[in-house]
ModelCIF file with pLDDT and N, C-alpha, C, O atoms, coordinates in Angstrom:
data_MODEL
#
_entry.id   MODEL 
#
_entity.id                         1 
_entity.type                       polymer 
_entity.pdbx_number_of_molecules   1 
#
_entity_poly.entity_id                      1 
_entity_poly.type                           'polypeptide(L)' 
_entity_poly.nstd_linkage                   no 
_entity_poly.nstd_monomer                   no 
_entity_poly.pdbx_seq_one_letter_code       
;(UNK)(UNK)(UNK)(UNK)(UNK)(UNK)(UNK)(UNK)(UNK)(UNK)(UNK)(UNK)(UNK)(UNK)(UNK)(UNK)
(UNK)(UNK)(UNK)(UNK)(UNK)(UNK)(UNK)(UNK)(UNK)(UNK)(UNK)(UNK)(UNK)(UNK)(UNK)(UNK)
(UNK)(UNK)(UNK)(UNK)(UNK)(UNK)(UNK)(UNK)(UNK)(UNK)(UNK)(UNK)(UNK)(UNK)
;
_entity_poly.pdbx_seq_one_letter_code_can   XXXXXXXXXXXXXXXXXXXXXXXXXXXXXXXXXXXXXXXXXXXXXX 
_entity_poly.pdbx_strand_id                 A 
#
loop_
_entity_poly_seq.entity_id 
_entity_poly_seq.num 
_entity_poly_seq.mon_id 
_entity_poly_seq.hetero 
1 1  UNK n 
1 2  UNK n 
1 3  UNK n 
1 4  UNK n 
1 5  UNK n 
1 6  UNK n 
1 7  UNK n 
1 8  UNK n 
1 9  UNK n 
1 10 UNK n 
1 11 UNK n 
1 12 UNK n 
1 13 UNK n 
1 14 UNK n 
1 15 UNK n 
1 16 UNK n 
1 17 UNK n 
1 18 UNK n 
1 19 UNK n 
1 20 UNK n 
1 21 UNK n 
1 22 UNK n 
1 23 UNK n 
1 24 UNK n 
1 25 UNK n 
1 26 UNK n 
1 27 UNK n 
1 28 UNK n 
1 29 UNK n 
1 30 UNK n 
1 31 UNK n 
1 32 UNK n 
1 33 UNK n 
1 34 UNK n 
1 35 UNK n 
1 36 UNK n 
1 37 UNK n 
1 38 UNK n 
1 39 UNK n 
1 40 UNK n 
1 41 UNK n 
1 42 UNK n 
1 43 UNK n 
1 44 UNK n 
1 45 UNK n 
1 46 UNK n 
#
_struct_asym.id          A 
_struct_asym.entity_id   1 
#
loop_
_ma_qa_metric.id 
_ma_qa_metric.mode 
_ma_qa_metric.name 
_ma_qa_metric.software_group_id 
_ma_qa_metric.type 
1 global pLDDT . pLDDT 
2 local  pLDDT . pLDDT 
#
_ma_qa_metric_global.metric_id      1 
_ma_qa_metric_global.metric_value   79.43 
_ma_qa_metric_global.model_id       1 
_ma_qa_metric_global.ordinal_id     1 
#
loop_
_ma_qa_metric_local.label_asym_id 
_ma_qa_metric_local.label_comp_id 
_ma_qa_metric_local.label_seq_id 
_ma_qa_metric_local.metric_id 
_ma_qa_metric_local.metric_value 
_ma_qa_metric_local.model_id 
_ma_qa_metric_local.ordinal_id 
A UNK 1  2 65.00 1 1  
A UNK 2  2 66.00 1 2  
A UNK 3  2 60.00 1 3  
A UNK 4  2 53.00 1 4  
A UNK 5  2 53.00 1 5  
A UNK 6  2 58.00 1 6  
A UNK 7  2 51.00 1 7  
A UNK 8  2 51.00 1 8  
A UNK 9  2 53.00 1 9  
A UNK 10 2 56.00 1 10 
A UNK 11 2 66.00 1 11 
A UNK 12 2 76.00 1 12 
A UNK 13 2 83.00 1 13 
A UNK 14 2 88.00 1 14 
A UNK 15 2 88.00 1 15 
A UNK 16 2 85.00 1 16 
A UNK 17 2 85.00 1 17 
A UNK 18 2 80.00 1 18 
A UNK 19 2 81.00 1 19 
A UNK 20 2 78.00 1 20 
A UNK 21 2 82.00 1 21 
A UNK 22 2 84.00 1 22 
A UNK 23 2 86.00 1 23 
A UNK 24 2 90.00 1 24 
A UNK 25 2 90.00 1 25 
A UNK 26 2 93.00 1 26 
A UNK 27 2 95.00 1 27 
A UNK 28 2 94.00 1 28 
A UNK 29 2 91.00 1 29 
A UNK 30 2 92.00 1 30 
A UNK 31 2 94.00 1 31 
A UNK 32 2 89.00 1 32 
A UNK 33 2 86.00 1 33 
A UNK 34 2 90.00 1 34 
A UNK 35 2 88.00 1 35 
A UNK 36 2 81.00 1 36 
A UNK 37 2 82.00 1 37 
A UNK 38 2 86.00 1 38 
A UNK 39 2 81.00 1 39 
A UNK 40 2 77.00 1 40 
A UNK 41 2 84.00 1 41 
A UNK 42 2 83.00 1 42 
A UNK 43 2 88.00 1 43 
A UNK 44 2 89.00 1 44 
A UNK 45 2 90.00 1 45 
A UNK 46 2 93.00 1 46 
#
loop_
_atom_site.group_PDB 
_atom_site.id 
_atom_site.type_symbol 
_atom_site.label_atom_id 
_atom_site.label_alt_id 
_atom_site.label_comp_id 
_atom_site.label_asym_id 
_atom_site.label_entity_id 
_atom_site.label_seq_id 
_atom_site.pdbx_PDB_ins_code 
_atom_site.Cartn_x 
_atom_site.Cartn_y 
_atom_site.Cartn_z 
_atom_site.occupancy 
_atom_site.B_iso_or_equiv 
_atom_site.pdbx_formal_charge 
_atom_site.auth_seq_id 
_atom_site.auth_comp_id 
_atom_site.auth_asym_id 
_atom_site.auth_atom_id 
_atom_site.pdbx_PDB_model_num 
ATOM 1   N N  . UNK A 1 1  ? 5.009  -24.393 317.638 1.00 65.00 ? 1  UNK A N  1 
ATOM 2   C CA . UNK A 1 1  ? 4.382  -25.477 318.387 1.00 65.00 ? 1  UNK A CA 1 
ATOM 3   C C  . UNK A 1 1  ? 2.875  -25.309 318.383 1.00 65.00 ? 1  UNK A C  1 
ATOM 4   O O  . UNK A 1 1  ? 2.356  -24.221 318.634 1.00 65.00 ? 1  UNK A O  1 
ATOM 5   N N  . UNK A 1 2  ? 2.190  -26.381 318.099 1.00 66.00 ? 2  UNK A N  1 
ATOM 6   C CA . UNK A 1 2  ? 0.734  -26.356 318.143 1.00 66.00 ? 2  UNK A CA 1 
ATOM 7   C C  . UNK A 1 2  ? 0.255  -26.380 319.592 1.00 66.00 ? 2  UNK A C  1 
ATOM 8   O O  . UNK A 1 2  ? 0.891  -27.009 320.438 1.00 66.00 ? 2  UNK A O  1 
ATOM 9   N N  . UNK A 1 3  ? -0.843 -25.713 319.888 1.00 60.00 ? 3  UNK A N  1 
ATOM 10  C CA . UNK A 1 3  ? -1.432 -25.892 321.215 1.00 60.00 ? 3  UNK A CA 1 
ATOM 11  C C  . UNK A 1 3  ? -2.029 -27.291 321.327 1.00 60.00 ? 3  UNK A C  1 
ATOM 12  O O  . UNK A 1 3  ? -2.569 -27.817 320.354 1.00 60.00 ? 3  UNK A O  1 
ATOM 13  N N  . UNK A 1 4  ? -1.935 -27.887 322.496 1.00 53.00 ? 4  UNK A N  1 
ATOM 14  C CA . UNK A 1 4  ? -2.463 -29.224 322.677 1.00 53.00 ? 4  UNK A CA 1 
ATOM 15  C C  . UNK A 1 4  ? -3.942 -29.270 322.329 1.00 53.00 ? 4  UNK A C  1 
ATOM 16  O O  . UNK A 1 4  ? -4.714 -28.409 322.750 1.00 53.00 ? 4  UNK A O  1 
ATOM 17  N N  . UNK A 1 5  ? -4.326 -30.258 321.573 1.00 53.00 ? 5  UNK A N  1 
ATOM 18  C CA . UNK A 1 5  ? -5.718 -30.446 321.149 1.00 53.00 ? 5  UNK A CA 1 
ATOM 19  C C  . UNK A 1 5  ? -6.253 -29.182 320.482 1.00 53.00 ? 5  UNK A C  1 
ATOM 20  O O  . UNK A 1 5  ? -7.454 -28.910 320.505 1.00 53.00 ? 5  UNK A O  1 
ATOM 21  N N  . UNK A 1 6  ? -5.329 -28.407 319.881 1.00 58.00 ? 6  UNK A N  1 
ATOM 22  C CA . UNK A 1 6  ? -5.674 -27.169 319.172 1.00 58.00 ? 6  UNK A CA 1 
ATOM 23  C C  . UNK A 1 6  ? -6.486 -26.238 320.063 1.00 58.00 ? 6  UNK A C  1 
ATOM 24  O O  . UNK A 1 6  ? -7.406 -25.563 319.603 1.00 58.00 ? 6  UNK A O  1 
ATOM 25  N N  . UNK A 1 7  ? -6.134 -26.213 321.336 1.00 51.00 ? 7  UNK A N  1 
ATOM 26  C CA . UNK A 1 7  ? -6.779 -25.321 322.288 1.00 51.00 ? 7  UNK A CA 1 
ATOM 27  C C  . UNK A 1 7  ? -5.727 -24.623 323.120 1.00 51.00 ? 7  UNK A C  1 
ATOM 28  O O  . UNK A 1 7  ? -4.621 -24.375 322.641 1.00 51.00 ? 7  UNK A O  1 
ATOM 29  N N  . UNK A 1 8  ? -6.054 -24.302 324.355 1.00 51.00 ? 8  UNK A N  1 
ATOM 30  C CA . UNK A 1 8  ? -5.131 -23.556 325.198 1.00 51.00 ? 8  UNK A CA 1 
ATOM 31  C C  . UNK A 1 8  ? -4.696 -24.356 326.427 1.00 51.00 ? 8  UNK A C  1 
ATOM 32  O O  . UNK A 1 8  ? -4.166 -23.778 327.375 1.00 51.00 ? 8  UNK A O  1 
ATOM 33  N N  . UNK A 1 9  ? -4.910 -25.678 326.428 1.00 53.00 ? 9  UNK A N  1 
ATOM 34  C CA . UNK A 1 9  ? -4.621 -26.454 327.624 1.00 53.00 ? 9  UNK A CA 1 
ATOM 35  C C  . UNK A 1 9  ? -3.135 -26.612 327.889 1.00 53.00 ? 9  UNK A C  1 
ATOM 36  O O  . UNK A 1 9  ? -2.738 -26.817 329.036 1.00 53.00 ? 9  UNK A O  1 
ATOM 37  N N  . UNK A 1 10 ? -2.314 -26.524 326.875 1.00 56.00 ? 10 UNK A N  1 
ATOM 38  C CA . UNK A 1 10 ? -0.881 -26.738 327.051 1.00 56.00 ? 10 UNK A CA 1 
ATOM 39  C C  . UNK A 1 10 ? -0.217 -26.875 325.709 1.00 56.00 ? 10 UNK A C  1 
ATOM 40  O O  . UNK A 1 10 ? -0.795 -26.513 324.684 1.00 56.00 ? 10 UNK A O  1 
ATOM 41  N N  . UNK A 1 11 ? 1.000  -27.396 325.703 1.00 66.00 ? 11 UNK A N  1 
ATOM 42  C CA . UNK A 1 11 ? 1.736  -27.529 324.457 1.00 66.00 ? 11 UNK A CA 1 
ATOM 43  C C  . UNK A 1 11 ? 1.634  -28.944 323.916 1.00 66.00 ? 11 UNK A C  1 
ATOM 44  O O  . UNK A 1 11 ? 1.488  -29.908 324.667 1.00 66.00 ? 11 UNK A O  1 
ATOM 45  N N  . UNK A 1 12 ? 1.713  -29.045 322.613 1.00 76.00 ? 12 UNK A N  1 
ATOM 46  C CA . UNK A 1 12 ? 1.746  -30.330 321.942 1.00 76.00 ? 12 UNK A CA 1 
ATOM 47  C C  . UNK A 1 12 ? 3.183  -30.622 321.545 1.00 76.00 ? 12 UNK A C  1 
ATOM 48  O O  . UNK A 1 12 ? 3.932  -29.689 321.252 1.00 76.00 ? 12 UNK A O  1 
ATOM 49  N N  . UNK A 1 13 ? 3.591  -31.872 321.525 1.00 83.00 ? 13 UNK A N  1 
ATOM 50  C CA . UNK A 1 13 ? 4.941  -32.195 321.052 1.00 83.00 ? 13 UNK A CA 1 
ATOM 51  C C  . UNK A 1 13 ? 5.065  -32.109 319.533 1.00 83.00 ? 13 UNK A C  1 
ATOM 52  O O  . UNK A 1 13 ? 6.158  -32.278 318.993 1.00 83.00 ? 13 UNK A O  1 
ATOM 53  N N  . UNK A 1 14 ? 3.962  -31.850 318.842 1.00 88.00 ? 14 UNK A N  1 
ATOM 54  C CA . UNK A 1 14 ? 3.980  -31.784 317.380 1.00 88.00 ? 14 UNK A CA 1 
ATOM 55  C C  . UNK A 1 14 ? 4.300  -30.356 316.940 1.00 88.00 ? 14 UNK A C  1 
ATOM 56  O O  . UNK A 1 14 ? 3.707  -29.393 317.425 1.00 88.00 ? 14 UNK A O  1 
ATOM 57  N N  . UNK A 1 15 ? 5.246  -30.242 316.015 1.00 88.00 ? 15 UNK A N  1 
ATOM 58  C CA . UNK A 1 15 ? 5.633  -28.940 315.478 1.00 88.00 ? 15 UNK A CA 1 
ATOM 59  C C  . UNK A 1 15 ? 4.727  -28.602 314.296 1.00 88.00 ? 15 UNK A C  1 
ATOM 60  O O  . UNK A 1 15 ? 4.397  -29.476 313.495 1.00 88.00 ? 15 UNK A O  1 
ATOM 61  N N  . UNK A 1 16 ? 4.329  -27.346 314.186 1.00 85.00 ? 16 UNK A N  1 
ATOM 62  C CA . UNK A 1 16 ? 3.542  -26.900 313.036 1.00 85.00 ? 16 UNK A CA 1 
ATOM 63  C C  . UNK A 1 16 ? 4.448  -26.181 312.061 1.00 85.00 ? 16 UNK A C  1 
ATOM 64  O O  . UNK A 1 16 ? 5.188  -25.277 312.449 1.00 85.00 ? 16 UNK A O  1 
ATOM 65  N N  . UNK A 1 17 ? 4.396  -26.574 310.789 1.00 85.00 ? 17 UNK A N  1 
ATOM 66  C CA . UNK A 1 17 ? 5.082  -25.839 309.728 1.00 85.00 ? 17 UNK A CA 1 
ATOM 67  C C  . UNK A 1 17 ? 4.008  -25.266 308.808 1.00 85.00 ? 17 UNK A C  1 
ATOM 68  O O  . UNK A 1 17 ? 3.661  -25.881 307.800 1.00 85.00 ? 17 UNK A O  1 
ATOM 69  N N  . UNK A 1 18 ? 3.482  -24.094 309.149 1.00 80.00 ? 18 UNK A N  1 
ATOM 70  C CA . UNK A 1 18 ? 2.372  -23.545 308.365 1.00 80.00 ? 18 UNK A CA 1 
ATOM 71  C C  . UNK A 1 18 ? 2.794  -23.241 306.939 1.00 80.00 ? 18 UNK A C  1 
ATOM 72  O O  . UNK A 1 18 ? 3.858  -22.670 306.698 1.00 80.00 ? 18 UNK A O  1 
ATOM 73  N N  . UNK A 1 19 ? 1.948  -23.629 306.002 1.00 81.00 ? 19 UNK A N  1 
ATOM 74  C CA . UNK A 1 19 ? 2.222  -23.401 304.590 1.00 81.00 ? 19 UNK A CA 1 
ATOM 75  C C  . UNK A 1 19 ? 2.137  -21.909 304.289 1.00 81.00 ? 19 UNK A C  1 
ATOM 76  O O  . UNK A 1 19 ? 1.069  -21.308 304.410 1.00 81.00 ? 19 UNK A O  1 
ATOM 77  N N  . UNK A 1 20 ? 3.258  -21.313 303.897 1.00 78.00 ? 20 UNK A N  1 
ATOM 78  C CA . UNK A 1 20 ? 3.316  -19.874 303.672 1.00 78.00 ? 20 UNK A CA 1 
ATOM 79  C C  . UNK A 1 20 ? 3.095  -19.494 302.222 1.00 78.00 ? 20 UNK A C  1 
ATOM 80  O O  . UNK A 1 20 ? 2.578  -18.412 301.941 1.00 78.00 ? 20 UNK A O  1 
ATOM 81  N N  . UNK A 1 21 ? 3.469  -20.348 301.309 1.00 82.00 ? 21 UNK A N  1 
ATOM 82  C CA . UNK A 1 21 ? 3.239  -20.071 299.891 1.00 82.00 ? 21 UNK A CA 1 
ATOM 83  C C  . UNK A 1 21 ? 2.996  -21.389 299.178 1.00 82.00 ? 21 UNK A C  1 
ATOM 84  O O  . UNK A 1 21 ? 3.553  -22.419 299.558 1.00 82.00 ? 21 UNK A O  1 
ATOM 85  N N  . UNK A 1 22 ? 2.168  -21.360 298.147 1.00 84.00 ? 22 UNK A N  1 
ATOM 86  C CA . UNK A 1 22 ? 1.755  -22.572 297.459 1.00 84.00 ? 22 UNK A CA 1 
ATOM 87  C C  . UNK A 1 22 ? 1.834  -22.357 295.961 1.00 84.00 ? 22 UNK A C  1 
ATOM 88  O O  . UNK A 1 22 ? 1.656  -21.243 295.470 1.00 84.00 ? 22 UNK A O  1 
ATOM 89  N N  . UNK A 1 23 ? 2.102  -23.432 295.242 1.00 86.00 ? 23 UNK A N  1 
ATOM 90  C CA . UNK A 1 23 ? 2.146  -23.342 293.788 1.00 86.00 ? 23 UNK A CA 1 
ATOM 91  C C  . UNK A 1 23 ? 3.483  -22.818 293.302 1.00 86.00 ? 23 UNK A C  1 
ATOM 92  O O  . UNK A 1 23 ? 4.506  -22.997 293.963 1.00 86.00 ? 23 UNK A O  1 
ATOM 93  N N  . UNK A 1 24 ? 3.476  -22.172 292.148 1.00 90.00 ? 24 UNK A N  1 
ATOM 94  C CA . UNK A 1 24 ? 4.700  -21.690 291.516 1.00 90.00 ? 24 UNK A CA 1 
ATOM 95  C C  . UNK A 1 24 ? 4.637  -20.186 291.306 1.00 90.00 ? 24 UNK A C  1 
ATOM 96  O O  . UNK A 1 24 ? 4.570  -19.732 290.164 1.00 90.00 ? 24 UNK A O  1 
ATOM 97  N N  . UNK A 1 25 ? 4.656  -19.393 292.393 1.00 90.00 ? 25 UNK A N  1 
ATOM 98  C CA . UNK A 1 25 ? 4.653  -17.941 292.230 1.00 90.00 ? 25 UNK A CA 1 
ATOM 99  C C  . UNK A 1 25 ? 5.977  -17.459 291.655 1.00 90.00 ? 25 UNK A C  1 
ATOM 100 O O  . UNK A 1 25 ? 6.958  -18.203 291.647 1.00 90.00 ? 25 UNK A O  1 
ATOM 101 N N  . UNK A 1 26 ? 6.011  -16.239 291.182 1.00 93.00 ? 26 UNK A N  1 
ATOM 102 C CA . UNK A 1 26 ? 7.228  -15.663 290.642 1.00 93.00 ? 26 UNK A CA 1 
ATOM 103 C C  . UNK A 1 26 ? 8.297  -15.617 291.731 1.00 93.00 ? 26 UNK A C  1 
ATOM 104 O O  . UNK A 1 26 ? 7.982  -15.374 292.896 1.00 93.00 ? 26 UNK A O  1 
ATOM 105 N N  . UNK A 1 27 ? 9.564  -15.848 291.361 1.00 95.00 ? 27 UNK A N  1 
ATOM 106 C CA . UNK A 1 27 ? 10.630 -15.796 292.368 1.00 95.00 ? 27 UNK A CA 1 
ATOM 107 C C  . UNK A 1 27 ? 10.633 -14.508 293.182 1.00 95.00 ? 27 UNK A C  1 
ATOM 108 O O  . UNK A 1 27 ? 10.941 -14.536 294.374 1.00 95.00 ? 27 UNK A O  1 
ATOM 109 N N  . UNK A 1 28 ? 10.297 -13.381 292.562 1.00 94.00 ? 28 UNK A N  1 
ATOM 110 C CA . UNK A 1 28 ? 10.296 -12.118 293.302 1.00 94.00 ? 28 UNK A CA 1 
ATOM 111 C C  . UNK A 1 28 ? 9.294  -12.150 294.448 1.00 94.00 ? 28 UNK A C  1 
ATOM 112 O O  . UNK A 1 28 ? 9.559  -11.592 295.513 1.00 94.00 ? 28 UNK A O  1 
ATOM 113 N N  . UNK A 1 29 ? 8.146  -12.794 294.245 1.00 91.00 ? 29 UNK A N  1 
ATOM 114 C CA . UNK A 1 29 ? 7.143  -12.884 295.312 1.00 91.00 ? 29 UNK A CA 1 
ATOM 115 C C  . UNK A 1 29 ? 7.624  -13.811 296.424 1.00 91.00 ? 29 UNK A C  1 
ATOM 116 O O  . UNK A 1 29 ? 7.442  -13.509 297.604 1.00 91.00 ? 29 UNK A O  1 
ATOM 117 N N  . UNK A 1 30 ? 8.236  -14.937 296.056 1.00 92.00 ? 30 UNK A N  1 
ATOM 118 C CA . UNK A 1 30 ? 8.757  -15.849 297.075 1.00 92.00 ? 30 UNK A CA 1 
ATOM 119 C C  . UNK A 1 30 ? 9.828  -15.155 297.910 1.00 92.00 ? 30 UNK A C  1 
ATOM 120 O O  . UNK A 1 30 ? 9.852  -15.286 299.133 1.00 92.00 ? 30 UNK A O  1 
ATOM 121 N N  . UNK A 1 31 ? 10.710 -14.418 297.245 1.00 94.00 ? 31 UNK A N  1 
ATOM 122 C CA . UNK A 1 31 ? 11.782 -13.735 297.957 1.00 94.00 ? 31 UNK A CA 1 
ATOM 123 C C  . UNK A 1 31 ? 11.240 -12.640 298.864 1.00 94.00 ? 31 UNK A C  1 
ATOM 124 O O  . UNK A 1 31 ? 11.759 -12.427 299.959 1.00 94.00 ? 31 UNK A O  1 
ATOM 125 N N  . UNK A 1 32 ? 10.201 -11.945 298.415 1.00 89.00 ? 32 UNK A N  1 
ATOM 126 C CA . UNK A 1 32 ? 9.591  -10.915 299.251 1.00 89.00 ? 32 UNK A CA 1 
ATOM 127 C C  . UNK A 1 32 ? 8.963  -11.532 300.492 1.00 89.00 ? 32 UNK A C  1 
ATOM 128 O O  . UNK A 1 32 ? 9.089  -10.986 301.588 1.00 89.00 ? 32 UNK A O  1 
ATOM 129 N N  . UNK A 1 33 ? 8.285  -12.671 300.330 1.00 86.00 ? 33 UNK A N  1 
ATOM 130 C CA . UNK A 1 33 ? 7.702  -13.354 301.481 1.00 86.00 ? 33 UNK A CA 1 
ATOM 131 C C  . UNK A 1 33 ? 8.787  -13.871 302.423 1.00 86.00 ? 33 UNK A C  1 
ATOM 132 O O  . UNK A 1 33 ? 8.651  -13.799 303.645 1.00 86.00 ? 33 UNK A O  1 
ATOM 133 N N  . UNK A 1 34 ? 9.872  -14.395 301.835 1.00 90.00 ? 34 UNK A N  1 
ATOM 134 C CA . UNK A 1 34 ? 10.976 -14.897 302.643 1.00 90.00 ? 34 UNK A CA 1 
ATOM 135 C C  . UNK A 1 34 ? 11.565 -13.782 303.497 1.00 90.00 ? 34 UNK A C  1 
ATOM 136 O O  . UNK A 1 34 ? 11.889 -13.992 304.666 1.00 90.00 ? 34 UNK A O  1 
ATOM 137 N N  . UNK A 1 35 ? 11.701 -12.603 302.912 1.00 88.00 ? 35 UNK A N  1 
ATOM 138 C CA . UNK A 1 35 ? 12.256 -11.471 303.668 1.00 88.00 ? 35 UNK A CA 1 
ATOM 139 C C  . UNK A 1 35 ? 11.360 -11.095 304.829 1.00 88.00 ? 35 UNK A C  1 
ATOM 140 O O  . UNK A 1 35 ? 11.856 -10.807 305.918 1.00 88.00 ? 35 UNK A O  1 
ATOM 141 N N  . UNK A 1 36 ? 10.046 -11.090 304.624 1.00 81.00 ? 36 UNK A N  1 
ATOM 142 C CA . UNK A 1 36 ? 9.123  -10.711 305.702 1.00 81.00 ? 36 UNK A CA 1 
ATOM 143 C C  . UNK A 1 36 ? 9.096  -11.757 306.802 1.00 81.00 ? 36 UNK A C  1 
ATOM 144 O O  . UNK A 1 36 ? 9.080  -11.423 307.986 1.00 81.00 ? 36 UNK A O  1 
ATOM 145 N N  . UNK A 1 37 ? 9.091  -13.011 306.411 1.00 82.00 ? 37 UNK A N  1 
ATOM 146 C CA . UNK A 1 37 ? 9.053  -14.077 307.415 1.00 82.00 ? 37 UNK A CA 1 
ATOM 147 C C  . UNK A 1 37 ? 10.358 -14.121 308.210 1.00 82.00 ? 37 UNK A C  1 
ATOM 148 O O  . UNK A 1 37 ? 10.338 -14.216 309.438 1.00 82.00 ? 37 UNK A O  1 
ATOM 149 N N  . UNK A 1 38 ? 11.489 -14.050 307.508 1.00 86.00 ? 38 UNK A N  1 
ATOM 150 C CA . UNK A 1 38 ? 12.777 -14.171 308.192 1.00 86.00 ? 38 UNK A CA 1 
ATOM 151 C C  . UNK A 1 38 ? 13.060 -12.975 309.089 1.00 86.00 ? 38 UNK A C  1 
ATOM 152 O O  . UNK A 1 38 ? 13.824 -13.093 310.047 1.00 86.00 ? 38 UNK A O  1 
ATOM 153 N N  . UNK A 1 39 ? 12.446 -11.802 308.790 1.00 81.00 ? 39 UNK A N  1 
ATOM 154 C CA . UNK A 1 39 ? 12.624 -10.641 309.662 1.00 81.00 ? 39 UNK A CA 1 
ATOM 155 C C  . UNK A 1 39 ? 12.097 -10.929 311.059 1.00 81.00 ? 39 UNK A C  1 
ATOM 156 O O  . UNK A 1 39 ? 12.516 -10.289 312.024 1.00 81.00 ? 39 UNK A O  1 
ATOM 157 N N  . UNK A 1 40 ? 11.187 -11.884 311.177 1.00 77.00 ? 40 UNK A N  1 
ATOM 158 C CA . UNK A 1 40 ? 10.640 -12.286 312.473 1.00 77.00 ? 40 UNK A CA 1 
ATOM 159 C C  . UNK A 1 40 ? 11.083 -13.701 312.831 1.00 77.00 ? 40 UNK A C  1 
ATOM 160 O O  . UNK A 1 40 ? 10.438 -14.387 313.625 1.00 77.00 ? 40 UNK A O  1 
ATOM 161 N N  . UNK A 1 41 ? 12.203 -14.129 312.227 1.00 84.00 ? 41 UNK A N  1 
ATOM 162 C CA . UNK A 1 41 ? 12.799 -15.429 312.509 1.00 84.00 ? 41 UNK A CA 1 
ATOM 163 C C  . UNK A 1 41 ? 11.829 -16.581 312.270 1.00 84.00 ? 41 UNK A C  1 
ATOM 164 O O  . UNK A 1 41 ? 11.812 -17.560 313.016 1.00 84.00 ? 41 UNK A O  1 
ATOM 165 N N  . UNK A 1 42 ? 11.032 -16.452 311.229 1.00 83.00 ? 42 UNK A N  1 
ATOM 166 C CA . UNK A 1 42 ? 10.130 -17.523 310.851 1.00 83.00 ? 42 UNK A CA 1 
ATOM 167 C C  . UNK A 1 42 ? 10.715 -18.368 309.734 1.00 83.00 ? 42 UNK A C  1 
ATOM 168 O O  . UNK A 1 42 ? 11.725 -18.004 309.132 1.00 83.00 ? 42 UNK A O  1 
ATOM 169 N N  . UNK A 1 43 ? 10.072 -19.508 309.455 1.00 88.00 ? 43 UNK A N  1 
ATOM 170 C CA . UNK A 1 43 ? 10.469 -20.421 308.381 1.00 88.00 ? 43 UNK A CA 1 
ATOM 171 C C  . UNK A 1 43 ? 9.454  -20.306 307.255 1.00 88.00 ? 43 UNK A C  1 
ATOM 172 O O  . UNK A 1 43 ? 8.250  -20.409 307.488 1.00 88.00 ? 43 UNK A O  1 
ATOM 173 N N  . UNK A 1 44 ? 9.928  -20.096 306.053 1.00 89.00 ? 44 UNK A N  1 
ATOM 174 C CA . UNK A 1 44 ? 9.034  -20.051 304.894 1.00 89.00 ? 44 UNK A CA 1 
ATOM 175 C C  . UNK A 1 44 ? 8.869  -21.461 304.362 1.00 89.00 ? 44 UNK A C  1 
ATOM 176 O O  . UNK A 1 44 ? 9.839  -22.074 303.917 1.00 89.00 ? 44 UNK A O  1 
ATOM 177 N N  . UNK A 1 45 ? 7.649  -21.982 304.403 1.00 90.00 ? 45 UNK A N  1 
ATOM 178 C CA . UNK A 1 45 ? 7.350  -23.332 303.949 1.00 90.00 ? 45 UNK A CA 1 
ATOM 179 C C  . UNK A 1 45 ? 6.621  -23.256 302.615 1.00 90.00 ? 45 UNK A C  1 
ATOM 180 O O  . UNK A 1 45 ? 5.528  -22.696 302.532 1.00 90.00 ? 45 UNK A O  1 
ATOM 181 N N  . UNK A 1 46 ? 7.214  -23.812 301.585 1.00 93.00 ? 46 UNK A N  1 
ATOM 182 C CA . UNK A 1 46 ? 6.719  -23.687 300.209 1.00 93.00 ? 46 UNK A CA 1 
ATOM 183 C C  . UNK A 1 46 ? 6.272  -25.055 299.708 1.00 93.00 ? 46 UNK A C  1 
ATOM 184 O O  . UNK A 1 46 ? 5.820  -25.178 298.570 1.00 93.00 ? 46 UNK A O  1 
#
């Protein structure tokens, strides 16, 4: 969740899906990133 007005006043109803990987990296790199993100219950956005 994004902070409201990108500050600390409260929560925004808009969900943030931060871009974790871009382009066409080797599958091994994508899988390594996926493992690190998922270990903390994150979503890998490609």
